[in-house]
Amino acid sequence: MSTNDKNFYNKKANLQIRFSEFDLPPMQDLLLIGKRAPIGPEATRRMINAVAPGQYEVILIENSNIEAIAVKTSLFNWIPRDTLIKTILEEGIKFSSAQSLIKAKLEISVSVFKEVDINV
């Protein structure tokens, strides 16, 4: 078959494979669960309790798109619970839908500036 042939066609596929360590549970720090997501809050809770008991909290949310969020509880040691949840929702609502099931990684860094008296 030549390129001048009227029936010539060429098929190619590009593959990009990324390998990474499997996370248990298969979510990161947060999971935003839409109202019509493939897995609901109760299924998420059972999954989390099976693979990482006590490490996450599933919080039901009153919102038109998001039904619940699952949060790694250790994050509450860094930021007050209500502040963290409010911030997650403010940002997560911008790109989620009722069908969404979105995992997110949350990195927290804390800066401290402290002045001390050096007159001893």
PDB file of N, CA and C in Angstrom:
ATOM      1  N   MET A   1       0.850  -1.178   0.000  1.00  0.00           N
ATOM      2  CA  MET A   1       0.000   0.000   0.000  1.00  0.00           C
ATOM      3  C   MET A   1       0.893   1.238   0.000  1.00  0.00           C
ATOM      4  N   SER A   2       0.614   2.191  -0.861  1.00  0.00           N
ATOM      5  CA  SER A   2       1.412   3.407  -0.919  1.00  0.00           C
ATOM      6  C   SER A   2       0.595   4.596  -0.412  1.00  0.00           C
ATOM      7  N   THR A   3       1.271   5.733  -0.197  1.00  0.00           N
ATOM      8  CA  THR A   3       0.572   6.935   0.289  1.00  0.00           C
ATOM      9  C   THR A   3      -0.295   7.559  -0.800  1.00  0.00           C
ATOM     10  N   ASN A   4      -0.074   7.190  -2.072  1.00  0.00           N
ATOM     11  CA  ASN A   4      -0.895   7.708  -3.173  1.00  0.00           C
ATOM     12  C   ASN A   4      -2.196   6.921  -3.328  1.00  0.00           C
ATOM     13  N   ASP A   5      -2.301   5.819  -2.656  1.00  0.00           N
ATOM     14  CA  ASP A   5      -3.503   4.993  -2.718  1.00  0.00           C
ATOM     15  C   ASP A   5      -4.672   5.737  -2.075  1.00  0.00           C
ATOM     16  N   LYS A   6      -5.837   5.801  -2.763  1.00  0.00           N
ATOM     17  CA  LYS A   6      -7.001   6.534  -2.231  1.00  0.00           C
ATOM     18  C   LYS A   6      -7.485   5.968  -0.906  1.00  0.00           C
ATOM     19  N   ASN A   7      -7.283   4.696  -0.683  1.00  0.00           N
ATOM     20  CA  ASN A   7      -7.767   4.067   0.532  1.00  0.00           C
ATOM     21  C   ASN A   7      -6.711   4.015   1.639  1.00  0.00           C
ATOM     22  N   PHE A   8      -5.637   4.732   1.454  1.00  0.00           N
ATOM     23  CA  PHE A   8      -4.567   4.696   2.443  1.00  0.00           C
ATOM     24  C   PHE A   8      -5.000   5.410   3.731  1.00  0.00           C
ATOM     25  N   TYR A   9      -4.764   4.806   4.779  1.00  0.00           N
ATOM     26  CA  TYR A   9      -4.951   5.464   6.063  1.00  0.00           C
ATOM     27  C   TYR A   9      -3.918   4.922   7.036  1.00  0.00           C
ATOM     28  N   ASN A  10      -3.688   5.661   8.024  1.00  0.00           N
ATOM     29  CA  ASN A  10      -2.663   5.314   8.990  1.00  0.00           C
ATOM     30  C   ASN A  10      -3.233   5.539  10.382  1.00  0.00           C
ATOM     31  N   LYS A  11      -3.089   4.591  11.230  1.00  0.00           N
ATOM     32  CA  LYS A  11      -3.552   4.737  12.600  1.00  0.00           C
ATOM     33  C   LYS A  11      -2.361   4.702  13.527  1.00  0.00           C
ATOM     34  N   LYS A  12      -2.355   5.604  14.459  1.00  0.00           N
ATOM     35  CA  LYS A  12      -1.306   5.627  15.471  1.00  0.00           C
ATOM     36  C   LYS A  12      -1.960   5.868  16.819  1.00  0.00           C
ATOM     37  N   ALA A  13      -1.337   5.383  17.807  1.00  0.00           N
ATOM     38  CA  ALA A  13      -1.802   5.628  19.166  1.00  0.00           C
ATOM     39  C   ALA A  13      -0.630   6.131  19.993  1.00  0.00           C
ATOM     40  N   ASN A  14      -0.872   7.140  20.751  1.00  0.00           N
ATOM     41  CA  ASN A  14       0.131   7.640  21.675  1.00  0.00           C
ATOM     42  C   ASN A  14      -0.252   7.204  23.079  1.00  0.00           C
ATOM     43  N   LEU A  15       0.671   6.675  23.778  1.00  0.00           N
ATOM     44  CA  LEU A  15       0.414   6.219  25.143  1.00  0.00           C
ATOM     45  C   LEU A  15       1.281   7.001  26.106  1.00  0.00           C
ATOM     46  N   GLN A  16       0.703   7.387  27.183  1.00  0.00           N
ATOM     47  CA  GLN A  16       1.467   7.980  28.278  1.00  0.00           C
ATOM     48  C   GLN A  16       1.064   7.226  29.531  1.00  0.00           C
ATOM     49  N   ILE A  17       2.002   6.579  30.131  1.00  0.00           N
ATOM     50  CA  ILE A  17       1.726   5.775  31.316  1.00  0.00           C
ATOM     51  C   ILE A  17       2.464   6.389  32.492  1.00  0.00           C
ATOM     52  N   ARG A  18       1.752   6.650  33.551  1.00  0.00           N
ATOM     53  CA  ARG A  18       2.380   7.169  34.779  1.00  0.00           C
ATOM     54  C   ARG A  18       2.204   6.132  35.871  1.00  0.00           C
ATOM     55  N   PHE A  19       3.265   5.714  36.417  1.00  0.00           N
ATOM     56  CA  PHE A  19       3.230   4.758  37.511  1.00  0.00           C
ATOM     57  C   PHE A  19       3.445   5.505  38.815  1.00  0.00           C
ATOM     58  N   SER A  20       2.664   5.182  39.799  1.00  0.00           N
ATOM     59  CA  SER A  20       2.872   5.768  41.115  1.00  0.00           C
ATOM     60  C   SER A  20       2.450   4.750  42.164  1.00  0.00           C
ATOM     61  N   GLU A  21       2.875   5.007  43.363  1.00  0.00           N
ATOM     62  CA  GLU A  21       2.543   4.106  44.448  1.00  0.00           C
ATOM     63  C   GLU A  21       1.039   4.160  44.718  1.00  0.00           C
ATOM     64  N   PHE A  22       0.452   3.027  44.955  1.00  0.00           N
ATOM     65  CA  PHE A  22      -0.968   2.955  45.258  1.00  0.00           C
ATOM     66  C   PHE A  22      -1.217   3.515  46.653  1.00  0.00           C
ATOM     67  N   ASP A  23      -2.171   4.407  46.758  1.00  0.00           N
ATOM     68  CA  ASP A  23      -2.500   5.009  48.047  1.00  0.00           C
ATOM     69  C   ASP A  23      -3.607   4.227  48.717  1.00  0.00           C
ATOM     70  N   LEU A  24      -3.507   4.064  49.996  1.00  0.00           N
ATOM     71  CA  LEU A  24      -4.574   3.448  50.775  1.00  0.00           C
ATOM     72  C   LEU A  24      -5.097   4.474  51.766  1.00  0.00           C
ATOM     73  N   PRO A  25      -6.334   4.775  51.721  1.00  0.00           N
ATOM     74  CA  PRO A  25      -7.311   4.444  50.697  1.00  0.00           C
ATOM     75  C   PRO A  25      -6.984   5.168  49.406  1.00  0.00           C
ATOM     76  N   PRO A  26      -7.602   4.771  48.289  1.00  0.00           N
ATOM     77  CA  PRO A  26      -7.265   5.387  46.998  1.00  0.00           C
ATOM     78  C   PRO A  26      -7.769   6.819  46.893  1.00  0.00           C
ATOM     79  N   MET A  27      -7.415   7.611  47.821  1.00  0.00           N
ATOM     80  CA  MET A  27      -7.724   9.026  47.826  1.00  0.00           C
ATOM     81  C   MET A  27      -6.584   9.715  48.534  1.00  0.00           C
ATOM     82  N   GLN A  28      -6.564  10.995  48.451  1.00  0.00           N
ATOM     83  CA  GLN A  28      -5.466  11.713  49.092  1.00  0.00           C
ATOM     84  C   GLN A  28      -5.982  12.346  50.374  1.00  0.00           C
ATOM     85  N   ASP A  29      -5.816  13.630  50.521  1.00  0.00           N
ATOM     86  CA  ASP A  29      -6.209  14.272  51.769  1.00  0.00           C
ATOM     87  C   ASP A  29      -7.705  14.553  51.838  1.00  0.00           C
ATOM     88  N   LEU A  30      -8.293  14.774  50.679  1.00  0.00           N
ATOM     89  CA  LEU A  30      -9.705  15.160  50.620  1.00  0.00           C
ATOM     90  C   LEU A  30     -10.413  14.399  49.520  1.00  0.00           C
ATOM     91  N   LEU A  31     -11.685  14.211  49.696  1.00  0.00           N
ATOM     92  CA  LEU A  31     -12.523  13.664  48.637  1.00  0.00           C
ATOM     93  C   LEU A  31     -13.829  14.446  48.653  1.00  0.00           C
ATOM     94  N   LEU A  32     -14.129  15.109  47.541  1.00  0.00           N
ATOM     95  CA  LEU A  32     -15.391  15.827  47.395  1.00  0.00           C
ATOM     96  C   LEU A  32     -16.368  14.885  46.712  1.00  0.00           C
ATOM     97  N   ILE A  33     -17.494  14.652  47.336  1.00  0.00           N
ATOM     98  CA  ILE A  33     -18.462  13.674  46.838  1.00  0.00           C
ATOM     99  C   ILE A  33     -19.703  14.417  46.363  1.00  0.00           C
ATOM    100  N   GLY A  34     -19.949  14.379  45.059  1.00  0.00           N
ATOM    101  CA  GLY A  34     -21.117  15.036  44.476  1.00  0.00           C
ATOM    102  C   GLY A  34     -22.395  14.300  44.815  1.00  0.00           C
ATOM    103  N   LYS A  35     -23.505  14.995  44.705  1.00  0.00           N
ATOM    104  CA  LYS A  35     -24.813  14.401  45.052  1.00  0.00           C
ATOM    105  C   LYS A  35     -25.162  13.205  44.176  1.00  0.00           C
ATOM    106  N   ARG A  36     -24.670  13.178  42.922  1.00  0.00           N
ATOM    107  CA  ARG A  36     -24.929  12.042  42.042  1.00  0.00           C
ATOM    108  C   ARG A  36     -23.624  11.365  41.625  1.00  0.00           C
ATOM    109  N   ALA A  37     -22.655  11.358  42.511  1.00  0.00           N
ATOM    110  CA  ALA A  37     -21.356  10.723  42.237  1.00  0.00           C
ATOM    111  C   ALA A  37     -21.506   9.204  42.212  1.00  0.00           C
ATOM    112  N   PRO A  38     -20.573   8.515  41.541  1.00  0.00           N
ATOM    113  CA  PRO A  38     -20.654   7.046  41.477  1.00  0.00           C
ATOM    114  C   PRO A  38     -20.628   6.374  42.843  1.00  0.00           C
ATOM    115  N   ILE A  39     -20.002   6.993  43.824  1.00  0.00           N
ATOM    116  CA  ILE A  39     -20.001   6.459  45.186  1.00  0.00           C
ATOM    117  C   ILE A  39     -20.551   7.538  46.102  1.00  0.00           C
ATOM    118  N   GLY A  40     -21.420   7.161  46.990  1.00  0.00           N
ATOM    119  CA  GLY A  40     -22.007   8.106  47.923  1.00  0.00           C
ATOM    120  C   GLY A  40     -21.211   8.168  49.218  1.00  0.00           C
ATOM    121  N   PRO A  41     -21.655   9.023  50.139  1.00  0.00           N
ATOM    122  CA  PRO A  41     -20.948   9.179  51.410  1.00  0.00           C
ATOM    123  C   PRO A  41     -20.859   7.889  52.230  1.00  0.00           C
ATOM    124  N   GLU A  42     -21.918   7.093  52.241  1.00  0.00           N
ATOM    125  CA  GLU A  42     -21.884   5.873  53.060  1.00  0.00           C
ATOM    126  C   GLU A  42     -20.912   4.846  52.484  1.00  0.00           C
ATOM    127  N   ALA A  43     -20.899   4.692  51.161  1.00  0.00           N
ATOM    128  CA  ALA A  43     -19.934   3.771  50.537  1.00  0.00           C
ATOM    129  C   ALA A  43     -18.515   4.262  50.762  1.00  0.00           C
ATOM    130  N   THR A  44     -18.326   5.568  50.707  1.00  0.00           N
ATOM    131  CA  THR A  44     -17.008   6.148  50.973  1.00  0.00           C
ATOM    132  C   THR A  44     -16.588   5.860  52.413  1.00  0.00           C
ATOM    133  N   ARG A  45     -17.506   6.034  53.341  1.00  0.00           N
ATOM    134  CA  ARG A  45     -17.213   5.777  54.751  1.00  0.00           C
ATOM    135  C   ARG A  45     -16.809   4.317  54.973  1.00  0.00           C
ATOM    136  N   ARG A  46     -17.548   3.396  54.359  1.00  0.00           N
ATOM    137  CA  ARG A  46     -17.216   1.963  54.506  1.00  0.00           C
ATOM    138  C   ARG A  46     -15.840   1.661  53.908  1.00  0.00           C
ATOM    139  N   MET A  47     -15.547   2.244  52.724  1.00  0.00           N
ATOM    140  CA  MET A  47     -14.250   2.027  52.092  1.00  0.00           C
ATOM    141  C   MET A  47     -13.124   2.533  52.998  1.00  0.00           C
ATOM    142  N   ILE A  48     -13.302   3.732  53.508  1.00  0.00           N
ATOM    143  CA  ILE A  48     -12.269   4.334  54.359  1.00  0.00           C
ATOM    144  C   ILE A  48     -12.082   3.524  55.637  1.00  0.00           C
ATOM    145  N   ASN A  49     -13.180   3.135  56.256  1.00  0.00           N
ATOM    146  CA  ASN A  49     -13.069   2.363  57.492  1.00  0.00           C
ATOM    147  C   ASN A  49     -12.446   0.999  57.268  1.00  0.00           C
ATOM    148  N   ALA A  50     -12.590   0.456  56.063  1.00  0.00           N
ATOM    149  CA  ALA A  50     -11.991  -0.844  55.766  1.00  0.00           C
ATOM    150  C   ALA A  50     -10.478  -0.749  55.573  1.00  0.00           C
ATOM    151  N   VAL A  51     -10.012   0.313  54.943  1.00  0.00           N
ATOM    152  CA  VAL A  51      -8.585   0.393  54.609  1.00  0.00           C
ATOM    153  C   VAL A  51      -7.781   1.375  55.460  1.00  0.00           C
ATOM    154  N   ALA A  52      -8.434   2.348  56.065  1.00  0.00           N
ATOM    155  CA  ALA A  52      -7.706   3.323  56.885  1.00  0.00           C
ATOM    156  C   ALA A  52      -8.594   3.758  58.049  1.00  0.00           C
ATOM    157  N   PRO A  53      -8.918   2.839  58.950  1.00  0.00           N
ATOM    158  CA  PRO A  53      -9.856   3.188  60.023  1.00  0.00           C
ATOM    159  C   PRO A  53      -9.332   4.332  60.895  1.00  0.00           C
ATOM    160  N   GLY A  54     -10.236   5.262  61.168  1.00  0.00           N
ATOM    161  CA  GLY A  54      -9.905   6.372  62.064  1.00  0.00           C
ATOM    162  C   GLY A  54      -9.086   7.486  61.450  1.00  0.00           C
ATOM    163  N   GLN A  55      -8.723   7.372  60.179  1.00  0.00           N
ATOM    164  CA  GLN A  55      -7.865   8.395  59.570  1.00  0.00           C
ATOM    165  C   GLN A  55      -8.626   9.476  58.817  1.00  0.00           C
ATOM    166  N   TYR A  56      -9.891   9.214  58.492  1.00  0.00           N
ATOM    167  CA  TYR A  56     -10.677  10.181  57.733  1.00  0.00           C
ATOM    168  C   TYR A  56     -12.023  10.381  58.405  1.00  0.00           C
ATOM    169  N   GLU A  57     -12.596  11.539  58.157  1.00  0.00           N
ATOM    170  CA  GLU A  57     -13.955  11.811  58.613  1.00  0.00           C
ATOM    171  C   GLU A  57     -14.797  12.164  57.396  1.00  0.00           C
ATOM    172  N   VAL A  58     -15.950  11.554  57.272  1.00  0.00           N
ATOM    173  CA  VAL A  58     -16.886  11.884  56.190  1.00  0.00           C
ATOM    174  C   VAL A  58     -17.899  12.858  56.766  1.00  0.00           C
ATOM    175  N   ILE A  59     -17.962  14.038  56.167  1.00  0.00           N
ATOM    176  CA  ILE A  59     -18.806  15.124  56.676  1.00  0.00           C
ATOM    177  C   ILE A  59     -19.889  15.424  55.643  1.00  0.00           C
ATOM    178  N   LEU A  60     -21.137  15.302  56.053  1.00  0.00           N
ATOM    179  CA  LEU A  60     -22.252  15.617  55.153  1.00  0.00           C
ATOM    180  C   LEU A  60     -22.363  17.131  55.004  1.00  0.00           C
ATOM    181  N   ILE A  61     -22.640  17.562  53.775  1.00  0.00           N
ATOM    182  CA  ILE A  61     -22.652  18.982  53.442  1.00  0.00           C
ATOM    183  C   ILE A  61     -24.014  19.351  52.868  1.00  0.00           C
ATOM    184  N   GLU A  62     -24.503  20.541  53.219  1.00  0.00           N
ATOM    185  CA  GLU A  62     -25.740  21.063  52.636  1.00  0.00           C
ATOM    186  C   GLU A  62     -25.350  21.958  51.466  1.00  0.00           C
ATOM    187  N   ASN A  63     -25.359  21.392  50.264  1.00  0.00           N
ATOM    188  CA  ASN A  63     -24.981  22.144  49.075  1.00  0.00           C
ATOM    189  C   ASN A  63     -25.708  21.541  47.884  1.00  0.00           C
ATOM    190  N   SER A  64     -25.917  22.329  46.840  1.00  0.00           N
ATOM    191  CA  SER A  64     -26.658  21.817  45.679  1.00  0.00           C
ATOM    192  C   SER A  64     -25.874  20.775  44.893  1.00  0.00           C
ATOM    193  N   ASN A  65     -24.547  20.847  44.873  1.00  0.00           N
ATOM    194  CA  ASN A  65     -23.734  19.888  44.120  1.00  0.00           C
ATOM    195  C   ASN A  65     -23.007  18.886  45.007  1.00  0.00           C
ATOM    196  N   ILE A  66     -22.438  19.320  46.078  1.00  0.00           N
ATOM    197  CA  ILE A  66     -21.612  18.462  46.930  1.00  0.00           C
ATOM    198  C   ILE A  66     -22.447  17.895  48.071  1.00  0.00           C
ATOM    199  N   GLU A  67     -22.399  16.578  48.216  1.00  0.00           N
ATOM    200  CA  GLU A  67     -23.164  15.922  49.280  1.00  0.00           C
ATOM    201  C   GLU A  67     -22.323  15.711  50.536  1.00  0.00           C
ATOM    202  N   ALA A  68     -21.033  15.489  50.329  1.00  0.00           N
ATOM    203  CA  ALA A  68     -20.167  15.234  51.486  1.00  0.00           C
ATOM    204  C   ALA A  68     -18.721  15.465  51.103  1.00  0.00           C
ATOM    205  N   ILE A  69     -17.895  15.617  52.119  1.00  0.00           N
ATOM    206  CA  ILE A  69     -16.451  15.613  51.910  1.00  0.00           C
ATOM    207  C   ILE A  69     -15.853  14.647  52.915  1.00  0.00           C
ATOM    208  N   ALA A  70     -14.812  13.966  52.477  1.00  0.00           N
ATOM    209  CA  ALA A  70     -14.031  13.115  53.372  1.00  0.00           C
ATOM    210  C   ALA A  70     -12.696  13.821  53.565  1.00  0.00           C
ATOM    211  N   VAL A  71     -12.334  14.008  54.812  1.00  0.00           N
ATOM    212  CA  VAL A  71     -11.143  14.780  55.142  1.00  0.00           C
ATOM    213  C   VAL A  71     -10.238  13.950  56.035  1.00  0.00           C
ATOM    214  N   LYS A  72      -8.957  13.977  55.741  1.00  0.00           N
ATOM    215  CA  LYS A  72      -7.984  13.320  56.616  1.00  0.00           C
ATOM    216  C   LYS A  72      -7.998  14.070  57.948  1.00  0.00           C
ATOM    217  N   THR A  73      -8.311  13.376  59.021  1.00  0.00           N
ATOM    218  CA  THR A  73      -8.534  14.036  60.314  1.00  0.00           C
ATOM    219  C   THR A  73      -7.272  14.706  60.872  1.00  0.00           C
ATOM    220  N   SER A  74      -6.107  14.258  60.459  1.00  0.00           N
ATOM    221  CA  SER A  74      -4.876  14.879  60.967  1.00  0.00           C
ATOM    222  C   SER A  74      -4.748  16.333  60.502  1.00  0.00           C
ATOM    223  N   LEU A  75      -5.452  16.706  59.435  1.00  0.00           N
ATOM    224  CA  LEU A  75      -5.413  18.096  58.962  1.00  0.00           C
ATOM    225  C   LEU A  75      -6.050  19.042  59.966  1.00  0.00           C
ATOM    226  N   PHE A  76      -6.964  18.520  60.787  1.00  0.00           N
ATOM    227  CA  PHE A  76      -7.613  19.365  61.795  1.00  0.00           C
ATOM    228  C   PHE A  76      -6.644  19.758  62.914  1.00  0.00           C
ATOM    229  N   ASN A  77      -5.502  19.099  62.980  1.00  0.00           N
ATOM    230  CA  ASN A  77      -4.486  19.502  63.959  1.00  0.00           C
ATOM    231  C   ASN A  77      -3.783  20.786  63.532  1.00  0.00           C
ATOM    232  N   TRP A  78      -3.863  21.100  62.236  1.00  0.00           N
ATOM    233  CA  TRP A  78      -3.166  22.258  61.694  1.00  0.00           C
ATOM    234  C   TRP A  78      -4.063  23.475  61.556  1.00  0.00           C
ATOM    235  N   ILE A  79      -5.289  23.242  61.154  1.00  0.00           N
ATOM    236  CA  ILE A  79      -6.235  24.335  60.912  1.00  0.00           C
ATOM    237  C   ILE A  79      -7.548  23.967  61.601  1.00  0.00           C
ATOM    238  N   PRO A  80      -8.181  24.933  62.274  1.00  0.00           N
ATOM    239  CA  PRO A  80      -9.469  24.614  62.913  1.00  0.00           C
ATOM    240  C   PRO A  80     -10.451  23.989  61.922  1.00  0.00           C
ATOM    241  N   ARG A  81     -11.186  23.025  62.404  1.00  0.00           N
ATOM    242  CA  ARG A  81     -12.086  22.224  61.574  1.00  0.00           C
ATOM    243  C   ARG A  81     -13.013  23.085  60.717  1.00  0.00           C
ATOM    244  N   ASP A  82     -13.724  24.031  61.329  1.00  0.00           N
ATOM    245  CA  ASP A  82     -14.689  24.848  60.588  1.00  0.00           C
ATOM    246  C   ASP A  82     -14.015  25.697  59.506  1.00  0.00           C
ATOM    247  N   THR A  83     -12.841  26.233  59.819  1.00  0.00           N
ATOM    248  CA  THR A  83     -12.107  27.040  58.837  1.00  0.00           C
ATOM    249  C   THR A  83     -11.671  26.189  57.658  1.00  0.00           C
ATOM    250  N   LEU A  84     -11.175  25.001  57.945  1.00  0.00           N
ATOM    251  CA  LEU A  84     -10.713  24.114  56.870  1.00  0.00           C
ATOM    252  C   LEU A  84     -11.868  23.680  55.977  1.00  0.00           C
ATOM    253  N   ILE A  85     -12.974  23.285  56.569  1.00  0.00           N
ATOM    254  CA  ILE A  85     -14.125  22.830  55.781  1.00  0.00           C
ATOM    255  C   ILE A  85     -14.678  23.975  54.935  1.00  0.00           C
ATOM    256  N   LYS A  86     -14.786  25.159  55.536  1.00  0.00           N
ATOM    257  CA  LYS A  86     -15.291  26.320  54.800  1.00  0.00           C
ATOM    258  C   LYS A  86     -14.395  26.625  53.595  1.00  0.00           C
ATOM    259  N   THR A  87     -13.083  26.573  53.791  1.00  0.00           N
ATOM    260  CA  THR A  87     -12.139  26.855  52.705  1.00  0.00           C
ATOM    261  C   THR A  87     -12.213  25.793  51.610  1.00  0.00           C
ATOM    262  N   ILE A  88     -12.280  24.542  52.005  1.00  0.00           N
ATOM    263  CA  ILE A  88     -12.394  23.448  51.028  1.00  0.00           C
ATOM    264  C   ILE A  88     -13.639  23.631  50.173  1.00  0.00           C
ATOM    265  N   LEU A  89     -14.747  23.954  50.802  1.00  0.00           N
ATOM    266  CA  LEU A  89     -15.992  24.131  50.057  1.00  0.00           C
ATOM    267  C   LEU A  89     -15.942  25.350  49.144  1.00  0.00           C
ATOM    268  N   GLU A  90     -15.395  26.452  49.637  1.00  0.00           N
ATOM    269  CA  GLU A  90     -15.297  27.650  48.803  1.00  0.00           C
ATOM    270  C   GLU A  90     -14.551  27.368  47.508  1.00  0.00           C
ATOM    271  N   GLU A  91     -13.464  26.637  47.607  1.00  0.00           N
ATOM    272  CA  GLU A  91     -12.656  26.349  46.415  1.00  0.00           C
ATOM    273  C   GLU A  91     -13.207  25.170  45.627  1.00  0.00           C
ATOM    274  N   GLY A  92     -13.667  24.144  46.304  1.00  0.00           N
ATOM    275  CA  GLY A  92     -14.135  22.935  45.629  1.00  0.00           C
ATOM    276  C   GLY A  92     -15.404  23.135  44.827  1.00  0.00           C
ATOM    277  N   ILE A  93     -16.267  23.997  45.297  1.00  0.00           N
ATOM    278  CA  ILE A  93     -17.528  24.260  44.606  1.00  0.00           C
ATOM    279  C   ILE A  93     -17.296  24.864  43.224  1.00  0.00           C
ATOM    280  N   LYS A  94     -16.176  25.558  43.064  1.00  0.00           N
ATOM    281  CA  LYS A  94     -15.894  26.251  41.803  1.00  0.00           C
ATOM    282  C   LYS A  94     -15.725  25.292  40.629  1.00  0.00           C
ATOM    283  N   PHE A  95     -15.268  24.084  40.877  1.00  0.00           N
ATOM    284  CA  PHE A  95     -15.014  23.173  39.760  1.00  0.00           C
ATOM    285  C   PHE A  95     -15.643  21.798  39.949  1.00  0.00           C
ATOM    286  N   SER A  96     -16.602  21.688  40.817  1.00  0.00           N
ATOM    287  CA  SER A  96     -17.253  20.394  41.005  1.00  0.00           C
ATOM    288  C   SER A  96     -18.669  20.441  40.446  1.00  0.00           C
ATOM    289  N   SER A  97     -19.208  19.270  40.232  1.00  0.00           N
ATOM    290  CA  SER A  97     -20.594  19.161  39.793  1.00  0.00           C
ATOM    291  C   SER A  97     -21.256  18.078  40.639  1.00  0.00           C
ATOM    292  N   ALA A  98     -22.536  17.864  40.437  1.00  0.00           N
ATOM    293  CA  ALA A  98     -23.254  16.853  41.213  1.00  0.00           C
ATOM    294  C   ALA A  98     -22.728  15.447  40.924  1.00  0.00           C
ATOM    295  N   GLN A  99     -22.132  15.240  39.737  1.00  0.00           N
ATOM    296  CA  GLN A  99     -21.608  13.921  39.381  1.00  0.00           C
ATOM    297  C   GLN A  99     -20.153  13.743  39.809  1.00  0.00           C
ATOM    298  N   SER A 100     -19.534  14.764  40.335  1.00  0.00           N
ATOM    299  CA  SER A 100     -18.099  14.743  40.632  1.00  0.00           C
ATOM    300  C   SER A 100     -17.741  13.851  41.799  1.00  0.00           C
ATOM    301  N   LEU A 101     -16.586  13.265  41.668  1.00  0.00           N
ATOM    302  CA  LEU A 101     -15.919  12.578  42.766  1.00  0.00           C
ATOM    303  C   LEU A 101     -14.462  13.002  42.642  1.00  0.00           C
ATOM    304  N   ILE A 102     -14.101  14.001  43.402  1.00  0.00           N
ATOM    305  CA  ILE A 102     -12.809  14.660  43.206  1.00  0.00           C
ATOM    306  C   ILE A 102     -11.928  14.441  44.417  1.00  0.00           C
ATOM    307  N   LYS A 103     -10.732  13.915  44.156  1.00  0.00           N
ATOM    308  CA  LYS A 103      -9.770  13.801  45.243  1.00  0.00           C
ATOM    309  C   LYS A 103      -8.832  14.996  45.171  1.00  0.00           C
ATOM    310  N   ALA A 104      -8.318  15.372  46.298  1.00  0.00           N
ATOM    311  CA  ALA A 104      -7.438  16.532  46.343  1.00  0.00           C
ATOM    312  C   ALA A 104      -6.340  16.308  47.363  1.00  0.00           C
ATOM    313  N   LYS A 105      -5.209  16.868  47.044  1.00  0.00           N
ATOM    314  CA  LYS A 105      -4.090  16.853  47.982  1.00  0.00           C
ATOM    315  C   LYS A 105      -4.026  18.243  48.601  1.00  0.00           C
ATOM    316  N   LEU A 106      -3.894  18.295  49.878  1.00  0.00           N
ATOM    317  CA  LEU A 106      -3.846  19.565  50.589  1.00  0.00           C
ATOM    318  C   LEU A 106      -2.537  19.646  51.348  1.00  0.00           C
ATOM    319  N   GLU A 107      -1.761  20.626  51.005  1.00  0.00           N
ATOM    320  CA  GLU A 107      -0.499  20.836  51.714  1.00  0.00           C
ATOM    321  C   GLU A 107      -0.653  22.073  52.587  1.00  0.00           C
ATOM    322  N   ILE A 108      -0.309  21.940  53.817  1.00  0.00           N
ATOM    323  CA  ILE A 108      -0.412  23.048  54.764  1.00  0.00           C
ATOM    324  C   ILE A 108       0.991  23.366  55.253  1.00  0.00           C
ATOM    325  N   SER A 109       1.322  24.625  55.195  1.00  0.00           N
ATOM    326  CA  SER A 109       2.562  25.057  55.815  1.00  0.00           C
ATOM    327  C   SER A 109       2.223  26.207  56.749  1.00  0.00           C
ATOM    328  N   VAL A 110       2.885  26.262  57.836  1.00  0.00           N
ATOM    329  CA  VAL A 110       2.622  27.288  58.836  1.00  0.00           C
ATOM    330  C   VAL A 110       3.892  28.099  59.020  1.00  0.00           C
ATOM    331  N   SER A 111       3.754  29.393  58.960  1.00  0.00           N
ATOM    332  CA  SER A 111       4.878  30.291  59.186  1.00  0.00           C
ATOM    333  C   SER A 111       4.729  30.933  60.556  1.00  0.00           C
ATOM    334  N   VAL A 112       5.818  31.024  61.246  1.00  0.00           N
ATOM    335  CA  VAL A 112       5.786  31.635  62.573  1.00  0.00           C
ATOM    336  C   VAL A 112       6.861  32.711  62.624  1.00  0.00           C
ATOM    337  N   PHE A 113       6.467  33.880  63.029  1.00  0.00           N
ATOM    338  CA  PHE A 113       7.422  34.947  63.285  1.00  0.00           C
ATOM    339  C   PHE A 113       7.257  35.303  64.746  1.00  0.00           C
ATOM    340  N   LYS A 114       8.333  35.259  65.465  1.00  0.00           N
ATOM    341  CA  LYS A 114       8.244  35.541  66.890  1.00  0.00           C
ATOM    342  C   LYS A 114       9.407  36.440  67.287  1.00  0.00           C
ATOM    343  N   GLU A 115       9.091  37.469  68.008  1.00  0.00           N
ATOM    344  CA  GLU A 115      10.116  38.379  68.486  1.00  0.00           C
ATOM    345  C   GLU A 115      10.398  38.048  69.945  1.00  0.00           C
ATOM    346  N   VAL A 116      11.642  37.936  70.285  1.00  0.00           N
ATOM    347  CA  VAL A 116      11.999  37.607  71.672  1.00  0.00           C
ATOM    348  C   VAL A 116      12.858  38.725  72.246  1.00  0.00           C
ATOM    349  N   ASP A 117      12.781  38.886  73.532  1.00  0.00           N
ATOM    350  CA  ASP A 117      13.574  39.898  74.235  1.00  0.00           C
ATOM    351  C   ASP A 117      14.988  39.375  74.419  1.00  0.00           C
ATOM    352  N   ILE A 118      15.973  40.124  73.963  1.00  0.00           N
ATOM    353  CA  ILE A 118      17.365  39.664  74.123  1.00  0.00           C
ATOM    354  C   ILE A 118      18.098  40.416  75.237  1.00  0.00           C
ATOM    355  N   ASN A 119      17.351  41.267  75.964  1.00  0.00           N
ATOM    356  CA  ASN A 119      17.950  41.961  77.108  1.00  0.00           C
ATOM    357  C   ASN A 119      17.854  41.065  78.331  1.00  0.00           C
ATOM    358  N   VAL A 120      18.861  40.330  78.610  1.00  0.00           N
ATOM    359  CA  VAL A 120      18.826  39.433  79.759  1.00  0.00           C
ATOM    360  C   VAL A 120      19.545  39.987  80.948  1.00  0.00           C
TER     361      VAL A 120
END
